Protein backbone atom coordinates (compact mmCIF):
# COMPACT_ATOMS: atom_id res chain seq x y z
CA MET A 1 80.95 88.79 115.31
CA THR A 2 84.46 89.48 117.17
CA LEU A 3 88.01 90.96 115.70
CA ARG A 4 89.43 87.71 117.01
CA GLU A 5 87.15 85.94 114.88
CA TYR A 6 87.47 88.42 111.76
CA ILE A 7 91.28 87.76 112.45
CA LEU A 8 91.31 84.45 111.72
CA PHE A 9 89.28 84.47 108.77
CA TRP A 10 91.64 87.41 107.33
CA GLN A 11 94.51 84.94 107.90
CA GLU A 12 93.58 82.14 105.94
CA THR A 13 91.68 84.07 103.28
CA TYR A 14 93.90 87.12 102.27
CA ASP A 15 96.85 87.26 104.68
CA ARG A 16 98.35 83.28 103.58
CA HIS A 17 98.06 83.60 99.78
CA GLN A 18 99.06 87.24 100.20
CA SER A 19 102.28 87.54 102.10
CA ARG A 20 105.49 85.38 101.90
CA PRO A 21 105.68 82.62 104.48
CA THR A 22 108.01 84.73 106.91
CA THR A 23 105.78 87.50 106.67
CA TYR A 24 102.47 85.64 107.61
CA ALA A 25 104.38 83.57 110.29
CA ALA A 26 105.84 87.34 111.81
CA HIS A 27 101.91 88.28 111.94
CA ASN A 28 100.84 85.99 113.38
CA TYR A 29 103.19 86.51 116.00
CA VAL A 30 101.81 90.01 116.29
CA PHE A 31 98.38 88.90 116.33
CA LYS A 32 98.72 85.84 119.28
CA ASN A 33 100.78 88.35 121.08
CA HIS A 34 99.51 91.83 120.85
CA ILE A 35 96.66 92.41 119.27
CA LEU A 36 93.99 89.61 120.15
CA PRO A 37 95.33 89.45 123.91
CA GLY A 38 94.07 93.31 123.97
CA LEU A 39 91.46 93.59 121.16
CA GLY A 40 90.24 90.05 120.29
CA ASP A 41 87.00 89.69 122.59
CA VAL A 42 85.54 92.91 121.05
CA LEU A 43 82.96 93.23 118.88
CA LEU A 44 83.86 95.29 115.41
CA SER A 45 80.50 96.72 115.96
CA GLU A 46 82.11 97.82 118.94
CA LEU A 47 85.58 98.72 117.95
CA THR A 48 86.04 102.03 118.24
CA SER A 49 89.42 104.68 118.11
CA GLU A 50 89.03 105.08 122.07
CA ARG A 51 89.18 101.80 122.51
CA VAL A 52 91.75 101.35 119.95
CA GLY A 53 94.21 104.00 121.38
CA GLU A 54 93.00 102.50 125.06
CA PHE A 55 94.56 99.09 123.52
CA LEU A 56 97.82 100.90 122.05
CA GLU A 57 98.49 102.96 124.75
CA GLU A 58 97.91 99.96 127.26
CA ARG A 59 101.01 98.18 125.23
CA LYS A 60 103.48 101.24 124.26
CA HIS A 61 103.67 101.34 128.86
CA PHE A 62 103.26 97.81 129.69
CA GLY A 63 104.11 95.68 126.70
CA ASN A 64 102.84 92.64 125.94
CA HIS A 65 100.35 90.29 128.33
CA ARG A 66 102.42 88.65 129.86
CA PRO A 67 102.96 89.25 133.49
CA GLY A 68 105.97 91.51 133.92
CA SER A 69 106.39 92.83 130.90
CA SER A 70 107.76 96.16 130.03
CA GLY A 71 106.88 99.09 127.12
CA LEU A 72 107.29 98.80 123.99
CA GLY A 73 109.49 100.24 121.55
CA GLY A 74 108.42 102.70 118.68
CA GLU A 75 108.90 100.08 115.97
CA THR A 76 107.16 97.35 117.50
CA MET A 77 104.40 100.19 118.09
CA ARG A 78 104.54 100.89 114.20
CA HIS A 79 104.03 96.80 113.58
CA ILE A 80 101.00 96.57 115.94
CA HIS A 81 99.03 99.39 113.93
CA ARG A 82 100.26 99.08 110.85
CA LEU A 83 98.89 95.38 110.77
CA LEU A 84 95.58 95.79 112.77
CA GLN A 85 95.19 99.13 110.86
CA GLN A 86 95.42 96.41 107.07
CA CYS A 87 93.35 94.23 108.91
CA LEU A 88 90.37 96.25 109.28
CA ASP A 89 90.95 98.01 106.54
CA GLN A 90 89.77 94.84 104.57
CA ALA A 91 87.03 94.58 107.00
CA ILE A 92 85.60 98.06 105.50
CA ARG A 93 86.14 96.52 102.02
CA ASP A 94 84.03 93.69 103.15
CA GLY A 95 81.35 95.37 104.11
CA LEU A 96 81.92 94.90 107.84
CA LEU A 97 83.07 98.48 109.20
CA THR A 98 82.32 101.32 107.97
CA GLU A 99 85.62 103.55 109.19
CA ASN A 100 88.82 102.27 110.03
CA PRO A 101 89.04 103.73 114.63
CA ALA A 102 92.97 102.79 114.12
CA LYS A 103 93.43 105.47 110.96
CA ALA A 104 92.97 108.15 114.13
CA PHE A 105 96.75 107.22 115.15
CA ARG A 106 99.66 107.55 113.24
CA TYR A 107 103.39 105.43 114.43
CA ARG A 108 105.79 107.15 112.01
CA LYS A 109 109.18 104.98 110.68
CA SER A 110 112.38 106.43 111.76
CA THR A 111 114.30 107.56 108.75
CA THR A 112 118.09 105.73 110.17
CA VAL A 113 118.97 102.54 111.60
CA LYS A 114 119.29 102.65 115.16
CA ALA A 115 123.13 100.59 115.25
CA ASN A 116 125.80 99.84 117.30
CA ILE A 117 128.69 99.62 115.49
CA MET A 118 131.19 97.54 116.49
CA THR A 119 135.10 98.32 117.28
CA PRO A 120 137.95 96.78 116.41
CA LEU A 121 138.65 95.28 119.69
CA GLU A 122 134.50 94.08 120.19
CA MET A 123 134.83 92.35 116.60
CA GLU A 124 138.09 90.39 117.67
CA ASP A 125 136.55 89.63 121.10
CA TYR A 126 133.52 88.55 119.08
CA LEU A 127 135.14 86.15 116.81
CA ASP A 128 137.12 84.33 119.22
CA ALA A 129 134.22 83.59 121.59
CA ALA A 130 132.53 82.53 118.50
CA GLU A 131 135.19 80.49 117.62
CA ARG A 132 134.93 78.94 121.31
CA LEU A 133 132.07 77.76 120.88
CA SER A 134 132.06 76.12 117.51
CA TYR A 135 129.78 78.70 115.97
CA LEU A 136 132.99 80.91 113.86
CA PRO A 137 131.42 80.40 110.81
CA MET A 138 128.10 81.69 110.83
CA PHE A 139 128.49 83.84 112.34
CA MET A 140 131.71 85.40 110.61
CA LEU A 141 129.52 85.06 107.37
CA ALA A 142 127.41 87.58 109.11
CA LEU A 143 129.72 89.99 110.26
CA THR A 144 131.18 89.83 107.26
CA THR A 145 128.71 89.14 104.13
CA GLY A 146 125.85 91.38 106.24
CA LEU A 147 123.24 88.85 105.74
CA ARG A 148 119.77 88.78 107.38
CA GLN A 149 119.13 86.09 109.88
CA GLY A 150 116.63 84.75 107.82
CA GLU A 151 118.67 84.30 104.44
CA LEU A 152 122.09 83.20 106.92
CA ILE A 153 119.92 79.80 107.91
CA ALA A 154 118.48 79.23 104.10
CA LEU A 155 121.40 79.15 102.82
CA LYS A 156 122.86 75.56 100.95
CA TRP A 157 125.77 74.39 99.97
CA SER A 158 124.94 74.69 96.22
CA ASP A 159 124.76 78.28 96.95
CA LEU A 160 128.41 78.35 96.97
CA ASP A 161 131.48 78.58 94.27
CA ILE A 162 135.05 77.71 95.48
CA GLU A 163 136.20 78.75 92.44
CA LYS A 164 134.56 82.02 92.18
CA ARG A 165 134.90 82.34 95.89
CA THR A 166 130.97 83.32 95.78
CA LEU A 167 127.63 83.09 97.54
CA THR A 168 124.33 83.26 95.89
CA ILE A 169 121.96 84.78 98.27
CA ALA A 170 118.64 82.94 97.56
CA GLU A 171 116.15 86.25 97.96
CA ASN A 172 112.75 84.10 97.93
CA ARG A 173 114.10 81.15 100.23
CA ALA A 174 113.10 80.49 103.97
CA VAL A 175 113.11 78.64 106.85
CA VAL A 176 109.32 77.91 107.79
CA ARG A 177 108.42 75.84 111.06
CA ARG A 178 112.27 74.63 110.43
CA GLU A 179 112.14 73.25 106.88
CA LEU A 180 113.17 75.30 103.80
CA VAL A 181 111.02 76.88 101.52
CA GLU A 182 111.35 78.03 97.98
CA TYR A 183 108.86 80.74 96.68
CA GLY A 184 110.64 82.62 94.22
CA SER A 185 114.15 82.20 91.88
CA GLN A 186 115.09 85.71 92.76
CA THR A 187 119.28 85.60 93.74
CA ARG A 188 121.99 88.13 94.14
CA THR A 189 125.84 87.15 94.22
CA ILE A 190 128.28 88.40 96.61
CA ALA A 191 132.04 87.64 97.03
CA LEU A 192 134.08 85.92 100.35
CA THR A 193 137.18 85.91 100.67
CA PRO A 194 139.62 83.30 100.71
CA GLU A 195 140.04 83.00 104.42
CA VAL A 196 135.81 82.83 104.92
CA ILE A 197 135.97 80.06 101.70
CA ASP A 198 138.24 77.89 104.42
CA ILE A 199 136.56 78.76 107.64
CA LEU A 200 133.26 77.61 105.54
CA ILE A 201 135.17 74.59 103.77
CA ARG A 202 136.14 73.64 107.27
CA GLU A 203 133.02 73.68 108.16
CA HIS A 204 131.83 70.97 105.55
CA ASP A 205 134.41 69.40 106.71
CA LYS A 206 132.35 68.09 109.90
CA HIS A 207 129.71 66.83 108.20
CA PRO A 208 130.34 62.84 107.78
CA SER A 209 129.35 62.63 103.77
CA LEU A 210 132.11 65.28 102.74
CA THR A 211 135.78 63.47 102.31
CA LEU A 212 139.20 64.89 101.36
CA GLU A 213 137.93 63.02 97.62
CA VAL A 214 134.80 65.02 97.15
CA VAL A 215 135.99 68.20 97.85
CA ASP A 216 138.59 67.24 95.12
CA LEU A 217 135.58 66.48 93.30
CA LEU A 218 133.75 69.24 93.60
CA ILE A 219 136.72 72.06 93.02
CA MET A 220 137.06 70.08 89.85
CA GLU A 221 133.05 70.53 88.85
CA ARG A 222 132.56 74.29 89.20
CA SER A 223 133.00 73.36 93.07
CA LYS A 224 129.90 73.88 94.07
CA HIS A 225 128.43 71.33 97.29
CA PRO A 226 125.70 69.05 96.59
CA SER A 227 122.10 71.15 97.13
CA SER A 228 120.39 68.72 99.31
CA LEU A 229 122.69 69.68 102.36
CA LEU A 230 122.12 72.87 104.02
CA MET A 231 125.00 74.84 105.03
CA PHE A 232 124.18 75.48 108.92
CA MET A 233 122.29 72.98 110.31
CA HIS A 234 121.37 71.94 114.04
CA PRO A 235 123.80 68.87 114.54
CA ALA A 236 120.73 66.85 116.57
CA THR A 237 117.94 67.40 114.12
CA LEU A 238 119.99 68.03 110.69
CA LYS A 239 117.77 70.88 110.14
CA PRO A 240 117.75 73.86 109.52
CA TYR A 241 118.35 76.23 112.69
CA SER A 242 115.04 78.95 113.89
CA PRO A 243 115.68 82.34 114.04
CA GLN A 244 115.36 82.35 117.96
CA MET A 245 118.25 79.46 118.02
CA VAL A 246 120.68 82.20 116.19
CA ARG A 247 119.50 84.40 118.52
CA ARG A 248 120.00 82.50 121.24
CA MET A 249 123.38 80.89 119.91
CA HIS A 250 124.49 84.95 119.45
CA ASN A 251 123.46 85.92 122.91
CA GLU A 252 125.70 82.92 123.77
CA ILE A 253 129.06 84.74 122.13
CA ILE A 254 128.46 87.84 123.40
CA LYS A 255 127.84 86.39 126.96
CA GLU A 256 130.89 84.37 126.36
CA ALA A 257 133.24 87.84 124.80
CA GLY A 258 131.78 89.83 127.65
CA LEU A 259 130.21 92.13 125.56
CA ASP A 260 126.27 93.64 125.81
CA ARG A 261 124.53 95.91 123.80
CA ILE A 262 125.28 93.77 120.88
CA ARG A 263 122.52 92.82 118.60
CA PHE A 264 122.64 90.04 115.88
CA THR A 265 121.32 92.82 113.28
CA ASP A 266 124.34 95.05 115.01
CA LEU A 267 126.55 92.62 113.26
CA ARG A 268 125.34 93.23 109.68
CA HIS A 269 124.64 97.18 110.24
CA THR A 270 128.89 96.99 111.63
CA CYS A 271 129.79 95.30 107.99
CA ALA A 272 127.52 98.23 105.88
CA VAL A 273 128.73 100.81 107.96
CA LEU A 274 132.67 99.66 107.81
CA SER A 275 132.23 98.46 104.32
CA LEU A 276 130.81 102.09 103.77
CA TRP A 277 134.20 103.56 105.60
CA ASN A 278 136.20 101.33 103.42
CA GLY A 279 135.41 103.27 100.40
CA MET A 280 132.57 101.10 99.25
CA GLU A 281 129.74 102.79 96.86
CA THR A 282 126.08 103.18 98.39
CA LYS A 283 125.10 101.36 94.71
CA GLU A 284 127.48 98.05 95.53
CA LEU A 285 126.38 97.90 99.07
CA ALA A 286 122.65 98.24 98.59
CA ARG A 287 123.44 94.90 96.04
CA MET A 288 125.64 93.11 98.84
CA LEU A 289 123.38 94.05 101.75
CA GLY A 290 119.88 93.28 99.12
CA HIS A 291 117.93 96.51 99.74
CA TYR A 292 115.73 96.73 96.57
CA ARG A 293 117.04 100.40 95.77
CA PRO A 294 120.08 101.88 96.88
CA THR A 295 117.99 105.07 98.50
CA ILE A 296 117.24 102.42 101.24
CA THR A 297 120.64 102.46 101.62
CA ARG A 298 121.84 106.26 101.99
CA GLN A 299 118.68 106.68 104.36
CA ASN A 300 119.72 103.55 106.92
CA TYR A 301 123.38 104.89 106.84
CA GLU A 302 123.46 108.47 105.74
CA PRO A 303 125.32 109.36 108.89
CA TYR A 304 128.16 107.45 108.78
CA LEU A 305 128.61 108.30 104.55
CA GLN A 306 132.00 109.49 104.35
CA HIS A 307 131.10 112.39 101.71
CA LYS A 308 129.21 114.34 104.51
CA ALA A 309 131.36 116.19 106.65
CA LYS A 310 130.31 116.53 110.34
CA LYS A 311 131.15 117.84 113.08
CA ASP A 312 132.01 115.58 116.43
CA ALA A 313 129.53 115.75 117.89
CA ASP A 314 127.22 114.75 114.53
CA ILE A 315 129.63 111.83 115.02
CA PRO A 316 126.54 108.73 115.92
CA LYS A 317 127.39 107.57 119.72
CA GLU A 318 127.44 104.50 119.31
CA ALA A 319 131.53 104.22 118.45
CA THR A 320 133.60 107.25 117.29
CA GLN A 321 135.26 108.39 114.13
CA ARG A 322 138.29 106.99 115.41
CA GLU A 323 136.71 103.96 116.19
CA LEU A 324 135.05 103.36 113.35
CA GLN A 325 138.17 103.53 111.66
CA GLN A 326 140.24 101.60 113.44
CA ALA A 327 137.18 99.26 112.71
CA ALA A 328 136.93 99.28 109.40
CA ASN A 329 140.30 98.38 108.63
CA ALA A 330 139.82 95.30 110.76
CA LEU A 331 137.17 94.66 108.66
CA ASP A 332 139.18 95.34 105.73
CA ASN A 333 142.01 92.59 106.88
CA LEU A 334 139.08 90.12 107.04
CA LEU A 335 138.27 90.53 103.43
CA LYS A 336 141.51 90.74 101.87
């Protein structure tokens, strides 16, 4: 049996039933683009630590199987190694291997996030560009709440409570192949500002199904929108956006704004760091971001915690202390 044959078996027998749909899709991407092109045709009986080591080194220096690919970063390498090791551990339990050749290698997880915190001017330029491109509601919400990409595209209008100015995040809802999938009921609720509420209402006004009479009725009925409608949907297909589409939209924004080095995940990091600088407690921030434990939040953003006295040299290079405080004030104005 080749590794390719076993991976296909492992995906259908174990991974599909034990992982969330989004996790399964992410695993499939790693297999398809990294592991299978490099090791798929190797027999399990011939899969040695030397062979695995050569594969990992090749990916580290030359990237995936596509021509012109550059080397892979440490985080990507960690995911590739962890998934390969996980799959081969099961092969041992299935009696197909006696030892795991991937265990001879180790990739440590970074103890802090690599965050590019936006400055006040960058935030203004970013939001102005998003407005010019008609993307403001989605990306204003991302910047002021720190929502993950998957959470953002899975929002429904029923998650919004205008009267209470809150948004309920369904943590077990995801977009898989442009369709919403519900696989649990765990939620968290975050507060929204009047400005964000107004922007979202205007966004809803773009949909033909919404009239002023409907808005009045919704406000009377606990201010909630019909649950059948997506908050953000592709205008042509009326289906959820895919993560790739959101990244393309973000890239259009930073190009329009004349910015560089700003990733979509940096919107979440900017929100988190500036919330801390505005005095938000770590536990409250953990709840807002959806972290399972506050210790994760402290670990990720320790360099930015106000109670830690830092020398200027220790301030992260992405933004100076003065710029961080200015950006915190700018975000605070957005959140008032």
